[in-house]
């Protein structure tokens, strides 16, 4: 599924893992907006990326938009943000409506982080269609994201040059938010996020 517009929010200091994750996302969505409170290193290729101010999130995110959040994860936090604090932070950045929030963080799908986050979005008045997160440690591999605990996922990506992967049900957890995604857009999504 291609979203109408995509924004990428970096929540952690830009180390080599964050940088490679951002570059993978920028390759997939070259016209996306990049928002970060952290500056890349002077030698980083991210210095050439199109950076945007945080108010771009308020102006351009709709139910037809995707927000990619990048940060180091644990089962109960993303870049040291717990679900309530992260929802409040997004509200402060101007997020009011978004179709999908995709967490590019390790282990976010291994607990009830996503359910708690969707609930906290309701509390701070953010309309959210879905949120999605990985069920294990994840790292970029050949421009794709691979689950480290499942060696077959990496083998499958490597053997097929990235064309095949394990089904999403094995790799990610998807949680429905409070916003109703209008048809026919919803039917176009199918099971692919």
N, C-alpha and C. Protein backbone atom coordinates (compact mmCIF):
# COMPACT_ATOMS: atom_id res chain seq x y z
N UNK A 1 0.84 -1.18 0.00
CA UNK A 1 0.00 0.00 0.00
C UNK A 1 0.88 1.23 0.00
N UNK A 2 0.60 2.15 -0.86
CA UNK A 2 1.30 3.43 -0.88
C UNK A 2 0.40 4.47 -0.23
N UNK A 3 0.90 5.14 0.77
CA UNK A 3 0.15 6.16 1.48
C UNK A 3 0.27 7.49 0.76
N UNK A 4 -0.73 8.37 0.95
CA UNK A 4 -0.71 9.67 0.29
C UNK A 4 0.53 10.47 0.66
N UNK A 5 0.86 10.49 1.94
CA UNK A 5 2.10 11.12 2.35
C UNK A 5 2.64 10.40 3.57
N UNK A 6 3.96 10.51 3.72
CA UNK A 6 4.66 9.79 4.77
C UNK A 6 5.58 10.77 5.49
N UNK A 7 5.58 10.69 6.82
CA UNK A 7 6.51 11.46 7.63
C UNK A 7 7.34 10.49 8.44
N UNK A 8 8.61 10.82 8.64
CA UNK A 8 9.53 9.99 9.43
C UNK A 8 9.97 10.83 10.62
N UNK A 9 9.74 10.30 11.81
CA UNK A 9 10.10 10.98 13.05
C UNK A 9 11.19 10.20 13.75
N UNK A 10 12.33 10.84 13.99
CA UNK A 10 13.46 10.20 14.68
C UNK A 10 13.40 10.60 16.15
N UNK A 11 13.32 9.60 17.04
CA UNK A 11 13.19 9.86 18.47
C UNK A 11 14.48 9.67 19.25
N UNK A 12 15.51 9.11 18.64
CA UNK A 12 16.77 8.82 19.34
C UNK A 12 17.91 9.55 18.67
N UNK A 13 19.03 9.65 19.41
CA UNK A 13 20.24 10.20 18.79
C UNK A 13 20.62 9.33 17.61
N UNK A 14 21.16 9.96 16.58
CA UNK A 14 21.41 9.27 15.32
C UNK A 14 22.73 8.52 15.39
N UNK A 15 22.66 7.22 15.68
CA UNK A 15 23.82 6.34 15.63
C UNK A 15 23.74 5.55 14.33
N UNK A 16 24.61 4.57 14.15
CA UNK A 16 24.65 3.85 12.88
C UNK A 16 23.36 3.05 12.64
N UNK A 17 22.76 2.50 13.69
CA UNK A 17 21.52 1.74 13.54
C UNK A 17 20.37 2.64 13.12
N UNK A 18 20.23 3.77 13.80
CA UNK A 18 19.17 4.72 13.46
C UNK A 18 19.38 5.24 12.04
N UNK A 19 20.62 5.58 11.71
CA UNK A 19 20.92 6.12 10.39
C UNK A 19 20.56 5.13 9.29
N UNK A 20 20.94 3.85 9.44
CA UNK A 20 20.63 2.87 8.39
C UNK A 20 19.12 2.63 8.30
N UNK A 21 18.43 2.70 9.43
CA UNK A 21 16.97 2.54 9.41
C UNK A 21 16.32 3.71 8.67
N UNK A 22 16.76 4.92 8.96
CA UNK A 22 16.21 6.09 8.28
C UNK A 22 16.50 6.02 6.79
N UNK A 23 17.70 5.64 6.41
CA UNK A 23 18.04 5.55 4.98
C UNK A 23 17.19 4.51 4.27
N UNK A 24 16.91 3.38 4.94
CA UNK A 24 16.03 2.37 4.34
C UNK A 24 14.63 2.93 4.12
N UNK A 25 14.13 3.68 5.11
CA UNK A 25 12.79 4.28 4.98
C UNK A 25 12.77 5.34 3.88
N UNK A 26 13.83 6.13 3.78
CA UNK A 26 13.89 7.16 2.73
C UNK A 26 13.97 6.55 1.34
N UNK A 27 14.62 5.38 1.21
CA UNK A 27 14.65 4.70 -0.09
C UNK A 27 13.25 4.24 -0.49
N UNK A 28 12.51 3.75 0.48
CA UNK A 28 11.15 3.27 0.17
C UNK A 28 10.18 4.42 -0.06
N UNK A 29 10.34 5.50 0.70
CA UNK A 29 9.46 6.67 0.59
C UNK A 29 10.31 7.92 0.32
N UNK A 30 10.78 8.11 -0.90
CA UNK A 30 11.71 9.22 -1.19
C UNK A 30 11.10 10.61 -1.01
N UNK A 31 9.79 10.73 -1.05
CA UNK A 31 9.16 12.05 -0.90
C UNK A 31 8.64 12.30 0.51
N UNK A 32 9.14 11.54 1.47
CA UNK A 32 8.65 11.69 2.84
C UNK A 32 9.28 12.90 3.53
N UNK A 33 8.65 13.30 4.62
CA UNK A 33 9.15 14.38 5.46
C UNK A 33 9.98 13.77 6.58
N UNK A 34 11.12 14.33 6.88
CA UNK A 34 12.00 13.83 7.93
C UNK A 34 12.02 14.85 9.07
N UNK A 35 11.61 14.41 10.27
CA UNK A 35 11.57 15.28 11.44
C UNK A 35 12.43 14.67 12.53
N UNK A 36 13.36 15.46 13.08
CA UNK A 36 14.22 14.97 14.15
C UNK A 36 14.70 16.14 15.00
N UNK A 37 14.80 15.90 16.30
CA UNK A 37 15.38 16.93 17.16
C UNK A 37 16.88 16.72 17.29
N UNK A 38 17.40 15.65 16.69
CA UNK A 38 18.82 15.32 16.73
C UNK A 38 19.45 15.60 15.38
N UNK A 39 20.63 16.20 15.43
CA UNK A 39 21.38 16.48 14.20
C UNK A 39 22.21 15.27 13.81
N UNK A 40 22.27 14.93 12.52
CA UNK A 40 23.16 13.84 12.09
C UNK A 40 24.61 14.28 12.16
N UNK A 41 25.52 13.33 12.20
CA UNK A 41 26.94 13.65 12.19
C UNK A 41 27.28 14.33 10.88
N UNK A 42 28.36 15.07 10.87
CA UNK A 42 28.75 15.84 9.67
C UNK A 42 29.00 14.95 8.46
N UNK A 43 29.45 13.72 8.69
CA UNK A 43 29.75 12.82 7.58
C UNK A 43 28.55 11.95 7.19
N UNK A 44 27.43 12.12 7.85
CA UNK A 44 26.27 11.28 7.61
C UNK A 44 25.58 11.62 6.28
N UNK A 45 25.14 10.60 5.55
CA UNK A 45 24.36 10.87 4.34
C UNK A 45 23.00 11.52 4.65
N UNK A 46 22.58 11.48 5.91
CA UNK A 46 21.32 12.13 6.27
C UNK A 46 21.39 13.64 6.19
N UNK A 47 22.61 14.19 6.12
CA UNK A 47 22.74 15.64 5.97
C UNK A 47 22.15 16.12 4.65
N UNK A 48 22.02 15.20 3.69
CA UNK A 48 21.46 15.57 2.39
C UNK A 48 19.96 15.28 2.31
N UNK A 49 19.40 14.72 3.37
CA UNK A 49 17.97 14.41 3.37
C UNK A 49 17.16 15.69 3.58
N UNK A 50 15.97 15.67 3.07
CA UNK A 50 15.08 16.82 3.19
C UNK A 50 14.48 16.84 4.59
N UNK A 51 14.95 17.74 5.44
CA UNK A 51 14.44 17.84 6.81
C UNK A 51 13.26 18.80 6.84
N UNK A 52 12.35 18.55 7.75
CA UNK A 52 11.16 19.40 7.89
C UNK A 52 11.01 19.80 9.34
N UNK A 53 10.27 20.83 9.58
CA UNK A 53 10.00 21.24 10.96
C UNK A 53 8.85 20.41 11.51
N UNK A 54 8.75 20.39 12.83
CA UNK A 54 7.74 19.55 13.48
C UNK A 54 6.32 19.96 13.09
N UNK A 55 6.07 21.23 12.79
CA UNK A 55 4.71 21.64 12.46
C UNK A 55 4.22 21.06 11.14
N UNK A 56 5.13 20.44 10.37
CA UNK A 56 4.71 19.75 9.15
C UNK A 56 3.78 18.59 9.51
N UNK A 57 3.96 18.04 10.70
CA UNK A 57 3.11 16.93 11.13
C UNK A 57 1.67 17.38 11.31
N UNK A 58 1.48 18.58 11.79
CA UNK A 58 0.11 19.10 11.95
C UNK A 58 -0.50 19.44 10.61
N UNK A 59 0.29 19.99 9.74
CA UNK A 59 -0.24 20.49 8.47
C UNK A 59 -0.53 19.38 7.46
N UNK A 60 0.19 18.28 7.50
CA UNK A 60 0.11 17.32 6.40
C UNK A 60 -0.40 15.93 6.76
N UNK A 61 -0.50 15.58 8.02
CA UNK A 61 -0.95 14.23 8.36
C UNK A 61 -2.47 14.14 8.39
N UNK A 62 -2.99 13.12 7.71
CA UNK A 62 -4.43 12.87 7.65
C UNK A 62 -4.65 11.37 7.87
N UNK A 63 -5.89 10.91 7.74
CA UNK A 63 -6.15 9.48 7.84
C UNK A 63 -5.55 8.71 6.66
N UNK A 64 -5.07 9.41 5.66
CA UNK A 64 -4.45 8.78 4.50
C UNK A 64 -2.93 8.89 4.57
N UNK A 65 -2.39 9.21 5.77
CA UNK A 65 -0.96 9.41 5.96
C UNK A 65 -0.36 8.32 6.83
N UNK A 66 0.94 8.13 6.66
CA UNK A 66 1.70 7.19 7.47
C UNK A 66 2.79 7.95 8.21
N UNK A 67 2.92 7.68 9.51
CA UNK A 67 3.99 8.25 10.32
C UNK A 67 4.89 7.10 10.75
N UNK A 68 6.16 7.18 10.37
CA UNK A 68 7.15 6.17 10.75
C UNK A 68 7.93 6.75 11.93
N UNK A 69 7.92 6.03 13.04
CA UNK A 69 8.65 6.46 14.23
C UNK A 69 9.86 5.55 14.39
N UNK A 70 11.05 6.17 14.45
CA UNK A 70 12.30 5.42 14.54
C UNK A 70 12.99 5.73 15.86
N UNK A 71 13.31 4.68 16.58
CA UNK A 71 14.03 4.81 17.84
C UNK A 71 14.36 3.44 18.38
N UNK A 72 15.32 3.37 19.27
CA UNK A 72 15.64 2.09 19.89
C UNK A 72 14.48 1.67 20.77
N UNK A 73 14.09 0.40 20.69
CA UNK A 73 12.91 -0.05 21.39
C UNK A 73 13.18 -1.11 22.43
N UNK A 74 12.21 -1.26 23.29
CA UNK A 74 12.15 -2.32 24.29
C UNK A 74 10.67 -2.70 24.34
N UNK A 75 10.32 -3.81 24.98
CA UNK A 75 8.91 -4.20 24.97
C UNK A 75 7.93 -3.14 25.50
N UNK A 76 8.41 -2.24 26.36
CA UNK A 76 7.48 -1.28 26.96
C UNK A 76 7.80 0.18 26.64
N UNK A 77 8.79 0.43 25.78
CA UNK A 77 9.12 1.81 25.46
C UNK A 77 9.77 1.92 24.09
N UNK A 78 9.65 3.10 23.53
CA UNK A 78 10.30 3.43 22.26
C UNK A 78 11.15 4.67 22.51
N UNK A 79 12.46 4.52 22.42
CA UNK A 79 13.39 5.63 22.68
C UNK A 79 13.14 6.26 24.05
N UNK A 80 12.93 5.42 25.03
CA UNK A 80 12.67 5.84 26.41
C UNK A 80 11.34 6.57 26.58
N UNK A 81 10.48 6.52 25.59
CA UNK A 81 9.13 7.08 25.70
C UNK A 81 8.16 5.94 25.99
N UNK A 82 7.47 6.03 27.10
CA UNK A 82 6.39 5.08 27.39
C UNK A 82 5.16 5.53 26.61
N UNK A 83 4.16 4.67 26.44
CA UNK A 83 3.02 5.00 25.57
C UNK A 83 2.34 6.34 25.89
N UNK A 84 2.12 6.65 27.16
CA UNK A 84 1.45 7.90 27.50
C UNK A 84 2.30 9.12 27.14
N UNK A 85 3.58 9.04 27.44
CA UNK A 85 4.48 10.16 27.14
C UNK A 85 4.66 10.35 25.64
N UNK A 86 4.71 9.25 24.90
CA UNK A 86 4.87 9.34 23.45
C UNK A 86 3.63 9.94 22.80
N UNK A 87 2.45 9.52 23.23
CA UNK A 87 1.22 10.10 22.68
C UNK A 87 1.16 11.59 22.96
N UNK A 88 1.51 11.99 24.16
CA UNK A 88 1.52 13.41 24.51
C UNK A 88 2.55 14.18 23.68
N UNK A 89 3.73 13.59 23.49
CA UNK A 89 4.77 14.23 22.69
C UNK A 89 4.31 14.42 21.24
N UNK A 90 3.67 13.41 20.67
CA UNK A 90 3.15 13.54 19.30
C UNK A 90 2.10 14.64 19.22
N UNK A 91 1.26 14.72 20.23
CA UNK A 91 0.24 15.79 20.27
C UNK A 91 0.93 17.16 20.30
N UNK A 92 2.00 17.28 21.09
CA UNK A 92 2.75 18.54 21.15
C UNK A 92 3.41 18.89 19.82
N UNK A 93 3.78 17.85 19.04
CA UNK A 93 4.37 18.08 17.72
C UNK A 93 3.32 18.44 16.66
N UNK A 94 2.04 18.38 17.05
CA UNK A 94 1.00 18.77 16.12
C UNK A 94 0.24 17.62 15.48
N UNK A 95 0.53 16.39 15.88
CA UNK A 95 -0.19 15.25 15.30
C UNK A 95 -1.61 15.27 15.84
N UNK A 96 -2.57 15.33 14.93
CA UNK A 96 -3.99 15.31 15.30
C UNK A 96 -4.69 14.09 14.69
N UNK A 97 -4.26 13.72 13.48
CA UNK A 97 -4.87 12.61 12.73
C UNK A 97 -3.78 11.90 11.95
N UNK A 98 -3.82 10.56 11.96
CA UNK A 98 -2.86 9.79 11.17
C UNK A 98 -3.46 8.41 10.92
N UNK A 99 -3.30 7.92 9.70
CA UNK A 99 -3.84 6.62 9.33
C UNK A 99 -3.07 5.46 9.93
N UNK A 100 -1.73 5.53 9.88
CA UNK A 100 -0.90 4.45 10.40
C UNK A 100 0.34 5.03 11.06
N UNK A 101 0.64 4.55 12.25
CA UNK A 101 1.93 4.83 12.88
C UNK A 101 2.70 3.52 12.87
N UNK A 102 3.82 3.52 12.17
CA UNK A 102 4.66 2.34 12.03
C UNK A 102 5.92 2.54 12.86
N UNK A 103 6.10 1.70 13.86
CA UNK A 103 7.28 1.79 14.72
C UNK A 103 8.40 0.95 14.14
N UNK A 104 9.52 1.59 13.82
CA UNK A 104 10.72 0.89 13.40
C UNK A 104 11.62 0.81 14.63
N UNK A 105 11.21 -0.05 15.54
CA UNK A 105 11.86 -0.23 16.83
C UNK A 105 11.80 -1.70 17.20
N UNK A 106 12.80 -2.14 17.92
CA UNK A 106 12.82 -3.54 18.36
C UNK A 106 11.78 -3.79 19.44
N UNK A 107 11.18 -4.98 19.38
CA UNK A 107 10.36 -5.54 20.47
C UNK A 107 9.08 -4.79 20.82
N UNK A 108 8.68 -3.78 20.08
CA UNK A 108 7.47 -3.02 20.40
C UNK A 108 6.24 -3.92 20.33
N UNK A 109 6.24 -4.90 19.44
CA UNK A 109 5.10 -5.80 19.30
C UNK A 109 5.12 -6.99 20.25
N UNK A 110 6.10 -7.06 21.16
CA UNK A 110 6.21 -8.19 22.08
C UNK A 110 5.46 -7.98 23.39
N UNK A 111 4.76 -6.90 23.53
CA UNK A 111 4.05 -6.62 24.79
C UNK A 111 2.75 -5.91 24.46
N UNK A 112 2.21 -5.19 25.41
CA UNK A 112 0.97 -4.44 25.16
C UNK A 112 1.26 -2.95 24.91
N UNK A 113 2.50 -2.65 24.50
CA UNK A 113 2.86 -1.27 24.20
C UNK A 113 1.90 -0.66 23.18
N UNK A 114 1.65 -1.36 22.07
CA UNK A 114 0.81 -0.81 21.00
C UNK A 114 -0.62 -0.58 21.46
N UNK A 115 -1.18 -1.50 22.23
CA UNK A 115 -2.54 -1.33 22.76
C UNK A 115 -2.60 -0.11 23.69
N UNK A 116 -1.60 0.00 24.57
CA UNK A 116 -1.56 1.15 25.49
C UNK A 116 -1.37 2.45 24.73
N UNK A 117 -0.53 2.43 23.70
CA UNK A 117 -0.30 3.63 22.90
C UNK A 117 -1.58 4.06 22.18
N UNK A 118 -2.30 3.12 21.58
CA UNK A 118 -3.56 3.46 20.90
C UNK A 118 -4.56 4.06 21.89
N UNK A 119 -4.61 3.52 23.09
CA UNK A 119 -5.49 4.06 24.13
C UNK A 119 -5.07 5.47 24.54
N UNK A 120 -3.77 5.69 24.70
CA UNK A 120 -3.27 7.01 25.10
C UNK A 120 -3.51 8.04 23.99
N UNK A 121 -3.50 7.61 22.74
CA UNK A 121 -3.81 8.54 21.63
C UNK A 121 -5.24 9.05 21.76
N UNK A 122 -6.15 8.18 22.16
CA UNK A 122 -7.53 8.61 22.38
C UNK A 122 -7.58 9.66 23.49
N UNK A 123 -6.83 9.44 24.56
CA UNK A 123 -6.85 10.35 25.70
C UNK A 123 -6.34 11.75 25.35
N UNK A 124 -5.37 11.83 24.40
CA UNK A 124 -4.83 13.14 24.02
C UNK A 124 -5.45 13.66 22.72
N UNK A 125 -6.54 12.99 22.29
CA UNK A 125 -7.32 13.44 21.14
C UNK A 125 -6.54 13.36 19.81
N UNK A 126 -5.86 12.23 19.60
CA UNK A 126 -5.23 11.95 18.31
C UNK A 126 -6.07 10.86 17.64
N UNK A 127 -6.54 11.14 16.43
CA UNK A 127 -7.26 10.13 15.65
C UNK A 127 -6.24 9.24 14.97
N UNK A 128 -6.27 7.95 15.30
CA UNK A 128 -5.30 6.99 14.80
C UNK A 128 -6.04 5.82 14.16
N UNK A 129 -5.65 5.48 12.93
CA UNK A 129 -6.24 4.33 12.26
C UNK A 129 -5.67 3.03 12.80
N UNK A 130 -4.35 2.86 12.70
CA UNK A 130 -3.66 1.68 13.18
C UNK A 130 -2.28 2.06 13.69
N UNK A 131 -1.71 1.16 14.49
CA UNK A 131 -0.28 1.24 14.79
C UNK A 131 0.29 -0.18 14.64
N UNK A 132 1.55 -0.23 14.26
CA UNK A 132 2.19 -1.51 13.94
C UNK A 132 3.60 -1.50 14.49
N UNK A 133 4.05 -2.66 15.00
CA UNK A 133 5.40 -2.77 15.54
C UNK A 133 5.93 -4.18 15.41
N UNK A 134 7.24 -4.30 15.40
CA UNK A 134 7.90 -5.59 15.22
C UNK A 134 7.86 -6.43 16.49
N UNK A 135 7.80 -7.76 16.30
CA UNK A 135 7.72 -8.71 17.42
C UNK A 135 9.08 -9.18 17.90
N UNK A 136 10.14 -8.58 17.47
CA UNK A 136 11.48 -8.99 17.90
C UNK A 136 12.48 -7.91 17.61
N UNK A 137 13.77 -8.25 17.79
CA UNK A 137 14.80 -7.28 17.43
C UNK A 137 14.84 -7.20 15.91
N UNK A 138 14.99 -6.01 15.42
CA UNK A 138 14.92 -5.79 13.98
C UNK A 138 16.14 -5.02 13.52
N UNK A 139 16.60 -5.32 12.32
CA UNK A 139 17.70 -4.55 11.74
C UNK A 139 17.52 -4.49 10.22
N UNK A 140 18.01 -3.40 9.63
CA UNK A 140 17.91 -3.29 8.18
C UNK A 140 18.83 -4.30 7.50
N UNK A 141 18.32 -4.91 6.43
CA UNK A 141 19.08 -5.89 5.67
C UNK A 141 18.67 -5.75 4.21
N UNK A 142 19.59 -5.34 3.36
CA UNK A 142 19.31 -5.17 1.92
C UNK A 142 18.12 -4.24 1.69
N UNK A 143 18.01 -3.19 2.50
CA UNK A 143 16.93 -2.24 2.33
C UNK A 143 15.60 -2.67 2.92
N UNK A 144 15.58 -3.81 3.62
CA UNK A 144 14.37 -4.33 4.25
C UNK A 144 14.64 -4.51 5.74
N UNK A 145 13.59 -4.71 6.51
CA UNK A 145 13.74 -4.90 7.95
C UNK A 145 13.55 -6.37 8.28
N UNK A 146 14.52 -6.95 8.97
CA UNK A 146 14.56 -8.38 9.25
C UNK A 146 14.47 -8.60 10.76
N UNK A 147 13.70 -9.60 11.17
CA UNK A 147 13.60 -9.96 12.57
C UNK A 147 14.79 -10.83 12.94
N UNK A 148 15.58 -10.39 13.92
CA UNK A 148 16.81 -11.09 14.30
C UNK A 148 16.58 -12.46 14.92
N UNK A 149 15.48 -12.64 15.65
CA UNK A 149 15.22 -13.92 16.32
C UNK A 149 14.75 -15.00 15.35
N UNK A 150 14.43 -14.63 14.14
CA UNK A 150 13.93 -15.61 13.17
C UNK A 150 14.94 -15.70 12.02
N UNK A 151 15.94 -16.59 12.15
CA UNK A 151 16.97 -16.68 11.10
C UNK A 151 16.39 -16.96 9.71
N UNK A 152 15.26 -17.66 9.67
CA UNK A 152 14.68 -17.98 8.37
C UNK A 152 14.22 -16.72 7.64
N UNK A 153 13.84 -15.67 8.39
CA UNK A 153 13.44 -14.41 7.77
C UNK A 153 14.61 -13.82 6.98
N UNK A 154 15.80 -13.79 7.59
CA UNK A 154 16.97 -13.26 6.90
C UNK A 154 17.36 -14.16 5.72
N UNK A 155 17.32 -15.47 5.92
CA UNK A 155 17.64 -16.39 4.84
C UNK A 155 16.71 -16.19 3.65
N UNK A 156 15.41 -16.06 3.92
CA UNK A 156 14.43 -15.87 2.86
C UNK A 156 14.67 -14.57 2.11
N UNK A 157 14.97 -13.50 2.84
CA UNK A 157 15.27 -12.21 2.19
C UNK A 157 16.53 -12.32 1.34
N UNK A 158 17.58 -12.96 1.91
CA UNK A 158 18.85 -13.07 1.21
C UNK A 158 18.71 -13.93 -0.05
N UNK A 159 18.05 -15.06 0.08
CA UNK A 159 17.91 -15.99 -1.05
C UNK A 159 17.09 -15.41 -2.19
N UNK A 160 16.16 -14.52 -1.88
CA UNK A 160 15.28 -13.95 -2.91
C UNK A 160 15.58 -12.49 -3.20
N UNK A 161 16.75 -12.01 -2.73
CA UNK A 161 17.15 -10.60 -2.92
C UNK A 161 16.07 -9.64 -2.41
N UNK A 162 15.42 -10.02 -1.34
CA UNK A 162 14.45 -9.14 -0.71
C UNK A 162 13.03 -9.26 -1.23
N UNK A 163 12.79 -10.13 -2.20
CA UNK A 163 11.44 -10.23 -2.78
C UNK A 163 10.46 -10.96 -1.88
N UNK A 164 10.94 -11.93 -1.11
CA UNK A 164 10.05 -12.70 -0.23
C UNK A 164 10.42 -12.45 1.23
N UNK A 165 9.42 -12.61 2.09
CA UNK A 165 9.64 -12.47 3.54
C UNK A 165 8.60 -13.34 4.24
N UNK A 166 8.78 -13.50 5.54
CA UNK A 166 7.79 -14.21 6.32
C UNK A 166 6.50 -13.41 6.35
N UNK A 167 5.36 -14.06 6.56
CA UNK A 167 4.09 -13.31 6.62
C UNK A 167 4.12 -12.28 7.76
N UNK A 168 3.40 -11.19 7.56
CA UNK A 168 3.36 -10.13 8.57
C UNK A 168 2.90 -10.64 9.93
N UNK A 169 2.01 -11.62 9.96
CA UNK A 169 1.51 -12.15 11.24
C UNK A 169 2.63 -12.73 12.09
N UNK A 170 3.70 -13.20 11.47
CA UNK A 170 4.84 -13.75 12.22
C UNK A 170 5.83 -12.66 12.61
N UNK A 171 5.83 -11.55 11.91
CA UNK A 171 6.85 -10.53 12.10
C UNK A 171 6.38 -9.32 12.89
N UNK A 172 5.11 -8.94 12.72
CA UNK A 172 4.63 -7.69 13.30
C UNK A 172 3.30 -7.89 14.04
N UNK A 173 3.01 -6.93 14.86
CA UNK A 173 1.72 -6.87 15.56
C UNK A 173 1.03 -5.60 15.10
N UNK A 174 -0.24 -5.72 14.74
CA UNK A 174 -1.03 -4.57 14.29
C UNK A 174 -2.16 -4.35 15.28
N UNK A 175 -2.34 -3.09 15.69
CA UNK A 175 -3.40 -2.73 16.63
C UNK A 175 -4.25 -1.64 16.00
N UNK A 176 -5.53 -1.83 16.07
CA UNK A 176 -6.50 -0.87 15.52
C UNK A 176 -6.62 0.31 16.45
N UNK A 177 -6.65 1.50 15.88
CA UNK A 177 -6.87 2.72 16.65
C UNK A 177 -8.34 3.07 16.69
N UNK A 178 -8.62 4.29 17.11
CA UNK A 178 -10.02 4.71 17.29
C UNK A 178 -10.65 5.30 16.04
N UNK A 179 -9.84 5.70 15.06
CA UNK A 179 -10.38 6.36 13.87
C UNK A 179 -10.85 5.33 12.85
N UNK A 180 -11.95 5.63 12.22
CA UNK A 180 -12.46 4.78 11.14
C UNK A 180 -11.85 5.25 9.83
N UNK A 181 -11.15 4.35 9.15
CA UNK A 181 -10.57 4.69 7.85
C UNK A 181 -11.68 4.59 6.82
N UNK A 182 -11.91 5.65 6.06
CA UNK A 182 -13.03 5.64 5.10
C UNK A 182 -12.78 4.70 3.92
N UNK A 183 -13.87 4.11 3.42
CA UNK A 183 -13.81 3.34 2.19
C UNK A 183 -13.77 4.32 1.02
N UNK A 184 -13.23 4.02 -0.14
CA UNK A 184 -12.66 2.73 -0.54
C UNK A 184 -11.21 2.56 -0.11
N UNK A 185 -10.65 3.53 0.59
CA UNK A 185 -9.25 3.44 1.01
C UNK A 185 -9.01 2.21 1.88
N UNK A 186 -9.93 1.93 2.78
CA UNK A 186 -9.79 0.79 3.69
C UNK A 186 -9.72 -0.53 2.91
N UNK A 187 -10.54 -0.67 1.90
CA UNK A 187 -10.53 -1.91 1.12
C UNK A 187 -9.26 -2.03 0.29
N UNK A 188 -8.67 -0.91 -0.11
CA UNK A 188 -7.40 -0.95 -0.84
C UNK A 188 -6.27 -1.44 0.05
N UNK A 189 -6.36 -1.18 1.37
CA UNK A 189 -5.31 -1.58 2.28
C UNK A 189 -5.18 -3.09 2.39
N UNK A 190 -6.32 -3.77 2.49
CA UNK A 190 -6.27 -5.21 2.69
C UNK A 190 -5.55 -5.54 3.98
N UNK A 191 -4.65 -6.52 3.93
CA UNK A 191 -3.86 -6.88 5.12
C UNK A 191 -2.46 -6.29 5.04
N UNK A 192 -2.22 -5.43 4.09
CA UNK A 192 -0.87 -4.88 3.87
C UNK A 192 -0.80 -3.49 4.43
N UNK A 193 0.14 -3.25 5.32
CA UNK A 193 0.31 -1.94 5.93
C UNK A 193 1.60 -1.31 5.46
